[in-house]
Amino acid sequence: MHAWIAWLALVSFAGLTTPLPAPQSVQPPADREPDRGFFPYLGRIVSGSGLAAGVGYRYEEILGSLVGAEATAGWSVRGYQLYRTRAGLINDARRTLELRQADAGVASMFNDTAVKRPGAALYTEIRYRSYPRHPYYGIGGESKRDDVSAFKLRGPAYDLVGQWQVSPSFGLSGRAGLLESEVGPRRGDSKRPSVEERFDPVSIPGFLTTPTYTVLGVGAALDRRDSPRDPTRGFFAGATAWRFEASGRQYDFTRVTLDARGYIPSSGPLPGVIALRLLLSGDHTAPSSLVPFFLLQTVGGAETLRSYPSHRWRERALAHVTAEYRWQPHRLVEIAPFVDIASLASTFESLSARRRLYSYGVALRGRWKGRVLGRLEWALGPEGGRVLLFAGPLF
């Protein structure tokens, strides 16, 4: 555990001692027209969904009021679906810190690539997700690759969301709502057996009895990067705390997460940027309580441990470190060798005693007008290699 704390201190020191540009004050025009119309959706729905596309419609300042509404729908190549509607004071929702949903992955807690400005948002959000073949390998660092199976996950979520961007670099956000989930045998995937065919359902927390949760979460982020979309210096530090309360006490738990990043310019033979990221997550329960398997944080896939498939490892506590060296031989191309290291355990205190998981490789990224449009990555690790193609930056 001391090694992770030392690493975090190093990142913070590097970010604090790197000269930072003064935050720019962004003032909206007094006669700004309401933002309305259709917009495209391209990316992914969740880790493991594959490439997704869809469409949305946004109408701000309905009938000249401060109230607006937004609806989006997305579908992925692997059959994943996501539908979402928002209504309320949403004018500044995209430009203020947003705490993502209670079931968001540890690497996707905030809208961290958005340019922020002081403001606030308050709205209701209704979301429905459908994951027809979500992977499951078991729980813990000793799970086996050959035990891969799949399950179906779907259900709605209802949230009240508040966002307050105090300054261009510091924001707060919170969510309160209801998270409903239906878990069952997978459908339409002949390559993977269903969960109950590979594992004893009684041994999987939350498979036979799926709890409905009342959730409450708060988050804060300090962003001193020179550019959220293409950082070359500075640091980002975000933290969240969630309380999950089920209809029965058996599945109550509290989750605490941390996302710390540092960016250090390098002027060596190949001038570039050293990018570092630390992710920590821990679930805390009463001695007799459990965390449902489908809500456990995971590593593996496009954002963490890239040589492993999505959701390869599930556990109640995890630590993950990524280090990259980003070099631009051309304004449209970036080359970035990387290494990912992770540790998992049933408790946060025992993380340092567990064996390390790792992957390494190189990324080729396409750039346009100061942002990463997509990335092609080759990753290697103890379980073999993978080639990944995804839209957008990693962090």
Protein backbone atom coordinates (compact mmCIF):
# COMPACT_ATOMS: atom_id res chain seq x y z
CA MET A 1 0.00 0.00 0.00
CA HIS A 2 2.86 2.39 0.74
CA ALA A 3 4.05 2.10 -2.88
CA TRP A 4 0.71 3.42 -4.19
CA ILE A 5 0.76 6.34 -1.76
CA ALA A 6 4.32 7.22 -2.79
CA TRP A 7 3.31 7.11 -6.45
CA LEU A 8 0.39 9.46 -5.82
CA ALA A 9 2.67 11.86 -3.97
CA LEU A 10 5.07 11.84 -6.93
CA VAL A 11 2.28 12.64 -9.40
CA SER A 12 0.95 15.45 -7.22
CA PHE A 13 4.45 16.91 -6.75
CA ALA A 14 5.14 16.77 -10.49
CA GLY A 15 1.85 18.50 -11.26
CA LEU A 16 2.29 21.14 -8.57
CA THR A 17 5.85 21.97 -9.59
CA THR A 18 5.13 22.15 -13.32
CA PRO A 19 4.49 25.75 -14.46
CA LEU A 20 0.79 26.06 -15.20
CA PRO A 21 -0.99 28.50 -17.45
CA ALA A 22 -3.44 30.81 -15.75
CA PRO A 23 -7.01 29.51 -16.05
CA GLN A 24 -8.90 31.39 -18.73
CA SER A 25 -12.13 33.11 -17.82
CA VAL A 26 -14.86 32.16 -20.29
CA GLN A 27 -17.78 34.56 -20.55
CA PRO A 28 -20.80 33.51 -22.61
CA PRO A 29 -22.20 36.11 -24.99
CA ALA A 30 -25.17 37.97 -23.57
CA ASP A 31 -27.27 37.20 -26.67
CA ARG A 32 -26.34 33.52 -26.95
CA GLU A 33 -28.96 31.59 -28.88
CA PRO A 34 -30.53 28.52 -27.22
CA ASP A 35 -28.74 25.29 -28.13
CA ARG A 36 -31.19 23.06 -29.93
CA GLY A 37 -31.19 20.38 -32.59
CA PHE A 38 -29.93 16.89 -33.36
CA PHE A 39 -26.39 15.73 -32.67
CA PRO A 40 -24.51 12.45 -33.39
CA TYR A 41 -23.37 9.94 -30.79
CA LEU A 42 -20.17 7.98 -31.49
CA GLY A 43 -17.94 6.03 -29.09
CA ARG A 44 -18.92 3.22 -26.78
CA ILE A 45 -21.76 2.54 -24.36
CA VAL A 46 -19.69 0.76 -21.74
CA SER A 47 -16.37 -1.07 -21.69
CA GLY A 48 -16.82 -4.23 -23.76
CA SER A 49 -19.75 -2.95 -25.81
CA GLY A 50 -17.70 -2.37 -28.93
CA LEU A 51 -18.08 0.67 -31.15
CA ALA A 52 -21.42 2.39 -30.68
CA ALA A 53 -23.31 5.04 -32.62
CA GLY A 54 -26.55 6.85 -32.14
CA VAL A 55 -28.34 10.16 -32.19
CA GLY A 56 -29.52 12.73 -29.71
CA TYR A 57 -31.72 15.81 -29.59
CA ARG A 58 -31.16 18.80 -27.33
CA TYR A 59 -33.46 21.77 -26.71
CA GLU A 60 -32.22 24.35 -24.24
CA GLU A 61 -34.26 27.31 -22.96
CA ILE A 62 -37.66 25.92 -23.90
CA LEU A 63 -40.11 28.78 -24.61
CA GLY A 64 -37.50 31.25 -23.42
CA SER A 65 -37.20 29.70 -19.96
CA LEU A 66 -34.13 28.32 -18.20
CA VAL A 67 -35.52 24.78 -18.54
CA GLY A 68 -34.25 22.46 -21.25
CA ALA A 69 -34.41 18.81 -22.27
CA GLU A 70 -32.17 16.29 -23.99
CA ALA A 71 -32.61 12.73 -25.22
CA THR A 72 -30.02 10.30 -26.63
CA ALA A 73 -30.10 6.75 -27.94
CA GLY A 74 -27.11 4.55 -28.76
CA TRP A 75 -26.58 1.07 -30.16
CA SER A 76 -23.33 -0.88 -30.41
CA VAL A 77 -22.03 -3.48 -32.84
CA ARG A 78 -22.35 -6.11 -30.07
CA GLY A 79 -26.01 -5.40 -29.41
CA TYR A 80 -25.62 -3.12 -26.39
CA GLN A 81 -28.22 -0.37 -26.04
CA LEU A 82 -28.45 2.83 -24.01
CA TYR A 83 -31.31 5.35 -23.82
CA ARG A 84 -31.19 8.52 -21.74
CA THR A 85 -33.31 11.61 -21.17
CA ARG A 86 -32.51 14.74 -19.16
CA ALA A 87 -34.80 17.61 -18.20
CA GLY A 88 -34.23 20.69 -16.06
CA LEU A 89 -31.58 23.37 -15.85
CA ILE A 90 -29.24 21.79 -18.40
CA ASN A 91 -27.79 24.87 -20.13
CA ASP A 92 -24.45 24.45 -18.35
CA ALA A 93 -24.56 20.66 -17.93
CA ARG A 94 -21.89 20.05 -20.58
CA ARG A 95 -19.61 22.81 -19.28
CA THR A 96 -19.65 21.91 -15.58
CA LEU A 97 -18.36 18.87 -13.70
CA GLU A 98 -20.65 15.86 -14.08
CA LEU A 99 -20.45 12.91 -11.71
CA ARG A 100 -21.26 9.91 -13.88
CA GLN A 101 -23.80 7.24 -12.90
CA ALA A 102 -23.41 4.97 -9.88
CA ASP A 103 -22.48 1.98 -12.06
CA ALA A 104 -19.84 3.86 -14.10
CA GLY A 105 -16.39 2.31 -14.34
CA VAL A 106 -13.51 3.53 -12.21
CA ALA A 107 -11.83 5.09 -15.27
CA SER A 108 -14.97 7.01 -16.34
CA MET A 109 -16.14 8.86 -13.24
CA PHE A 110 -16.32 12.38 -14.75
CA ASN A 111 -16.80 14.26 -18.02
CA ASP A 112 -13.08 15.00 -17.85
CA THR A 113 -12.49 16.00 -21.50
CA ALA A 114 -15.02 18.85 -21.45
CA VAL A 115 -13.82 22.46 -21.20
CA LYS A 116 -15.32 23.89 -18.00
CA ARG A 117 -16.57 27.33 -17.04
CA PRO A 118 -18.24 28.60 -13.84
CA GLY A 119 -21.90 27.71 -13.71
CA ALA A 120 -24.43 25.22 -12.38
CA ALA A 121 -26.91 22.62 -13.58
CA LEU A 122 -29.78 20.79 -11.90
CA TYR A 123 -31.82 18.18 -13.72
CA THR A 124 -33.50 14.79 -13.60
CA GLU A 125 -32.09 11.92 -15.63
CA ILE A 126 -33.77 8.69 -16.68
CA ARG A 127 -31.57 6.02 -18.20
CA TYR A 128 -32.19 2.53 -19.55
CA ARG A 129 -29.30 0.21 -20.39
CA SER A 130 -29.33 -3.23 -21.99
CA TYR A 131 -26.16 -5.35 -22.08
CA PRO A 132 -27.05 -8.72 -23.69
CA ARG A 133 -23.70 -10.52 -23.25
CA HIS A 134 -21.61 -8.96 -20.49
CA PRO A 135 -18.45 -11.01 -19.68
CA TYR A 136 -17.79 -12.70 -16.33
CA TYR A 137 -14.62 -14.64 -15.40
CA GLY A 138 -15.17 -14.94 -11.66
CA ILE A 139 -14.16 -12.68 -8.78
CA GLY A 140 -10.64 -11.88 -7.65
CA GLY A 141 -7.10 -11.98 -8.97
CA GLU A 142 -7.11 -15.78 -9.18
CA SER A 143 -9.93 -16.00 -11.75
CA LYS A 144 -9.08 -18.00 -14.86
CA ARG A 145 -9.26 -16.91 -18.48
CA ASP A 146 -10.78 -20.25 -19.52
CA ASP A 147 -13.72 -19.65 -17.15
CA VAL A 148 -15.10 -16.88 -19.34
CA SER A 149 -18.88 -16.74 -19.41
CA ALA A 150 -21.55 -14.12 -20.06
CA PHE A 151 -24.70 -12.73 -18.50
CA LYS A 152 -27.49 -10.34 -19.43
CA LEU A 153 -27.84 -7.03 -17.60
CA ARG A 154 -30.58 -4.50 -18.15
CA GLY A 155 -32.75 -2.07 -16.27
CA PRO A 156 -33.59 1.59 -15.66
CA ALA A 157 -32.02 4.21 -13.41
CA TYR A 158 -33.59 7.42 -12.12
CA ASP A 159 -31.38 10.25 -10.84
CA LEU A 160 -31.52 13.81 -9.62
CA VAL A 161 -28.23 15.43 -10.66
CA GLY A 162 -26.57 18.61 -9.43
CA GLN A 163 -23.42 20.19 -10.91
CA TRP A 164 -21.54 23.27 -9.72
CA GLN A 165 -18.41 24.53 -11.42
CA VAL A 166 -16.96 26.85 -8.79
CA SER A 167 -14.11 28.01 -11.04
CA PRO A 168 -12.66 26.87 -14.40
CA SER A 169 -10.44 24.43 -12.49
CA PHE A 170 -12.62 23.20 -9.59
CA GLY A 171 -16.04 21.58 -9.68
CA LEU A 172 -18.49 19.66 -7.51
CA SER A 173 -21.27 17.26 -8.49
CA GLY A 174 -23.77 14.93 -6.86
CA ARG A 175 -26.40 12.34 -7.71
CA ALA A 176 -29.28 10.74 -5.84
CA GLY A 177 -31.63 8.19 -7.26
CA LEU A 178 -32.76 4.64 -7.87
CA LEU A 179 -30.77 1.93 -9.69
CA GLU A 180 -32.71 -1.10 -10.89
CA SER A 181 -31.03 -4.11 -12.48
CA GLU A 182 -32.24 -7.34 -14.02
CA VAL A 183 -29.56 -10.01 -14.27
CA GLY A 184 -30.02 -13.30 -16.07
CA PRO A 185 -28.61 -15.83 -18.55
CA ARG A 186 -26.98 -14.33 -21.61
CA ARG A 187 -28.66 -14.49 -25.00
CA GLY A 188 -27.26 -14.77 -28.51
CA ASP A 189 -23.57 -15.50 -27.84
CA SER A 190 -22.49 -18.98 -28.86
CA LYS A 191 -18.81 -18.25 -28.10
CA ARG A 192 -19.35 -17.93 -24.34
CA PRO A 193 -21.45 -20.12 -22.07
CA SER A 194 -23.97 -18.44 -19.82
CA VAL A 195 -22.83 -17.69 -16.25
CA GLU A 196 -24.93 -20.44 -14.67
CA GLU A 197 -23.39 -23.01 -17.02
CA ARG A 198 -19.85 -22.20 -15.84
CA PHE A 199 -20.38 -21.24 -12.18
CA ASP A 200 -22.64 -22.25 -9.34
CA PRO A 201 -25.23 -19.42 -9.24
CA VAL A 202 -25.41 -19.68 -5.44
CA SER A 203 -21.74 -18.66 -5.23
CA ILE A 204 -22.24 -15.46 -7.27
CA PRO A 205 -23.41 -12.53 -5.10
CA GLY A 206 -26.49 -10.90 -6.59
CA PHE A 207 -27.17 -13.38 -9.40
CA LEU A 208 -30.17 -15.20 -7.93
CA THR A 209 -31.41 -12.24 -5.88
CA THR A 210 -30.77 -8.98 -7.67
CA PRO A 211 -31.12 -5.96 -5.37
CA THR A 212 -32.64 -2.61 -6.28
CA TYR A 213 -30.56 0.26 -4.93
CA THR A 214 -31.15 3.71 -3.58
CA VAL A 215 -27.91 5.51 -4.41
CA LEU A 216 -26.31 8.74 -3.25
CA GLY A 217 -23.01 9.99 -4.64
CA VAL A 218 -20.81 13.08 -4.41
CA GLY A 219 -17.71 13.97 -6.39
CA ALA A 220 -15.14 16.73 -6.70
CA ALA A 221 -12.36 17.40 -9.19
CA LEU A 222 -9.45 19.83 -9.37
CA ASP A 223 -8.25 20.23 -12.95
CA ARG A 224 -5.02 22.17 -13.53
CA ARG A 225 -4.23 20.75 -16.97
CA ASP A 226 -3.40 23.17 -19.74
CA SER A 227 -6.05 21.56 -21.97
CA PRO A 228 -8.68 18.94 -20.98
CA ARG A 229 -8.81 17.59 -24.52
CA ASP A 230 -5.05 17.40 -25.10
CA PRO A 231 -3.09 17.88 -21.86
CA THR A 232 0.65 18.43 -22.05
CA ARG A 233 1.33 19.69 -18.51
CA GLY A 234 -0.41 20.03 -15.15
CA PHE A 235 -2.48 17.60 -13.13
CA PHE A 236 -6.02 16.35 -12.52
CA ALA A 237 -7.33 14.96 -9.24
CA GLY A 238 -10.88 13.69 -8.75
CA ALA A 239 -12.57 11.76 -5.94
CA THR A 240 -16.02 10.27 -5.44
CA ALA A 241 -17.96 8.65 -2.62
CA TRP A 242 -21.09 6.54 -3.19
CA ARG A 243 -23.56 4.94 -0.83
CA PHE A 244 -25.55 1.96 -2.16
CA GLU A 245 -28.52 0.92 -0.01
CA ALA A 246 -30.49 -2.13 -1.07
CA SER A 247 -34.01 -3.19 -0.10
CA GLY A 248 -32.29 -5.64 2.24
CA ARG A 249 -29.17 -4.93 4.31
CA GLN A 250 -27.32 -7.89 2.82
CA TYR A 251 -26.14 -5.87 -0.19
CA ASP A 252 -25.45 -2.42 1.32
CA PHE A 253 -22.01 -0.96 0.64
CA THR A 254 -20.04 2.27 0.34
CA ARG A 255 -17.62 2.95 -2.52
CA VAL A 256 -14.73 5.44 -2.51
CA THR A 257 -12.69 6.14 -5.67
CA LEU A 258 -9.76 8.33 -6.66
CA ASP A 259 -8.48 9.38 -10.09
CA ALA A 260 -5.11 11.22 -10.12
CA ARG A 261 -3.19 12.21 -13.27
CA GLY A 262 0.01 14.07 -13.98
CA TYR A 263 1.48 15.39 -17.24
CA ILE A 264 5.18 16.31 -17.47
CA PRO A 265 6.72 17.79 -20.63
CA SER A 266 9.99 16.19 -21.73
CA SER A 267 12.61 17.85 -23.93
CA GLY A 268 14.78 14.81 -24.64
CA PRO A 269 15.85 13.46 -28.05
CA LEU A 270 12.18 12.74 -28.78
CA PRO A 271 10.34 15.62 -27.11
CA GLY A 272 6.98 14.59 -25.75
CA VAL A 273 4.82 14.26 -22.65
CA ILE A 274 5.09 11.80 -19.76
CA ALA A 275 1.50 10.98 -18.81
CA LEU A 276 0.77 9.18 -15.51
CA ARG A 277 -2.50 8.00 -14.03
CA LEU A 278 -3.46 6.35 -10.74
CA LEU A 279 -6.90 4.81 -10.14
CA LEU A 280 -7.98 3.57 -6.71
CA SER A 281 -11.34 2.08 -5.75
CA GLY A 282 -12.55 0.36 -2.61
CA ASP A 283 -15.93 -1.05 -1.54
CA HIS A 284 -16.63 -1.08 2.19
CA THR A 285 -19.34 -3.27 3.72
CA ALA A 286 -20.55 -4.56 7.05
CA PRO A 287 -19.07 -7.98 7.95
CA SER A 288 -22.22 -9.79 6.78
CA SER A 289 -22.81 -7.74 3.60
CA LEU A 290 -21.92 -8.49 -0.02
CA VAL A 291 -21.32 -6.48 -3.19
CA PRO A 292 -23.26 -7.80 -6.22
CA PHE A 293 -20.94 -9.23 -8.85
CA PHE A 294 -22.29 -6.97 -11.61
CA LEU A 295 -21.48 -3.81 -9.61
CA LEU A 296 -17.91 -4.74 -8.68
CA GLN A 297 -15.30 -2.49 -10.26
CA THR A 298 -13.33 -4.16 -13.04
CA VAL A 299 -10.03 -3.78 -14.90
CA GLY A 300 -9.21 -4.94 -18.40
CA GLY A 301 -10.11 -3.53 -21.79
CA ALA A 302 -9.55 -0.23 -23.55
CA GLU A 303 -9.07 1.90 -20.40
CA THR A 304 -7.20 -0.39 -17.98
CA LEU A 305 -4.86 -3.41 -18.39
CA ARG A 306 -5.16 -3.20 -22.15
CA SER A 307 -3.69 -6.64 -22.92
CA TYR A 308 -6.68 -8.26 -21.15
CA PRO A 309 -10.27 -8.38 -22.39
CA SER A 310 -12.90 -6.05 -20.95
CA HIS A 311 -13.98 -6.81 -17.37
CA ARG A 312 -11.34 -9.52 -17.09
CA TRP A 313 -10.84 -8.91 -13.34
CA ARG A 314 -13.52 -8.07 -10.73
CA GLU A 315 -12.89 -7.28 -7.09
CA ARG A 316 -13.96 -5.09 -4.16
CA ALA A 317 -10.68 -3.15 -4.05
CA LEU A 318 -8.27 -2.30 -6.85
CA ALA A 319 -5.36 -0.04 -7.73
CA HIS A 320 -4.29 0.69 -11.28
CA VAL A 321 -1.34 2.69 -12.67
CA THR A 322 -0.75 3.73 -16.28
CA ALA A 323 2.40 5.39 -17.60
CA GLU A 324 2.76 6.61 -21.19
CA TYR A 325 5.32 8.58 -23.19
CA ARG A 326 3.46 10.59 -25.85
CA TRP A 327 5.55 11.69 -28.81
CA GLN A 328 4.26 13.55 -31.88
CA PRO A 329 6.35 12.91 -35.00
CA HIS A 330 3.67 14.81 -36.97
CA ARG A 331 0.81 17.12 -36.03
CA LEU A 332 -1.69 14.44 -37.10
CA VAL A 333 0.03 11.45 -35.46
CA GLU A 334 1.02 10.54 -31.91
CA ILE A 335 3.04 7.48 -30.84
CA ALA A 336 2.81 6.41 -27.20
CA PRO A 337 4.52 3.38 -25.62
CA PHE A 338 2.76 2.46 -22.39
CA VAL A 339 2.67 0.16 -19.38
CA ASP A 340 -0.35 -0.70 -17.18
CA ILE A 341 -0.03 -2.23 -13.70
CA ALA A 342 -2.87 -3.28 -11.38
CA SER A 343 -3.45 -4.98 -8.06
CA LEU A 344 -6.73 -6.42 -6.72
CA ALA A 345 -7.83 -7.63 -3.29
CA SER A 346 -10.94 -8.19 -1.22
CA THR A 347 -10.02 -5.26 1.04
CA PHE A 348 -8.23 -2.01 0.35
CA GLU A 349 -5.72 -2.65 3.12
CA SER A 350 -4.49 -5.89 1.54
CA LEU A 351 -3.83 -4.50 -1.95
CA SER A 352 -0.06 -4.34 -1.55
CA ALA A 353 0.12 -8.03 -0.60
CA ARG A 354 -1.39 -9.22 -3.88
CA ARG A 355 0.46 -10.12 -7.05
CA ARG A 356 0.69 -7.51 -9.75
CA LEU A 357 -1.10 -7.71 -13.07
CA TYR A 358 0.45 -5.88 -16.01
CA SER A 359 0.35 -5.12 -19.69
CA TYR A 360 2.55 -3.09 -22.01
CA GLY A 361 2.57 -1.98 -25.62
CA VAL A 362 2.43 0.95 -27.98
CA ALA A 363 -0.39 3.18 -29.23
CA LEU A 364 -0.76 4.98 -32.55
CA ARG A 365 -3.20 7.86 -32.27
CA GLY A 366 -4.77 10.04 -34.91
CA ARG A 367 -5.07 13.73 -34.07
CA TRP A 368 -6.98 16.68 -35.45
CA LYS A 369 -7.09 20.29 -34.23
CA GLY A 370 -5.66 19.66 -30.79
CA ARG A 371 -7.51 16.48 -29.87
CA VAL A 372 -7.19 12.71 -30.22
CA LEU A 373 -9.81 11.35 -32.62
CA GLY A 374 -8.96 7.67 -32.33
CA ARG A 375 -6.31 5.22 -31.22
CA LEU A 376 -4.91 1.94 -32.51
CA GLU A 377 -3.11 0.06 -29.74
CA TRP A 378 -1.06 -3.11 -29.57
CA ALA A 379 -0.91 -4.51 -26.02
CA LEU A 380 0.93 -7.54 -24.62
CA GLY A 381 0.68 -9.36 -21.28
CA PRO A 382 0.81 -12.74 -19.54
CA GLU A 383 -2.38 -13.90 -21.27
CA GLY A 384 -1.28 -12.89 -24.77
CA GLY A 385 -1.67 -9.86 -26.97
CA ARG A 386 -4.53 -7.73 -28.27
CA VAL A 387 -5.04 -5.06 -30.91
CA LEU A 388 -7.50 -2.38 -29.89
CA LEU A 389 -9.21 0.31 -31.99
CA PHE A 390 -11.21 2.97 -30.19
CA ALA A 391 -12.44 6.51 -30.62
CA GLY A 392 -11.24 9.36 -28.45
CA PRO A 393 -8.37 9.74 -25.98
CA LEU A 394 -7.51 7.47 -23.04
CA PHE A 395 -6.93 10.19 -20.41
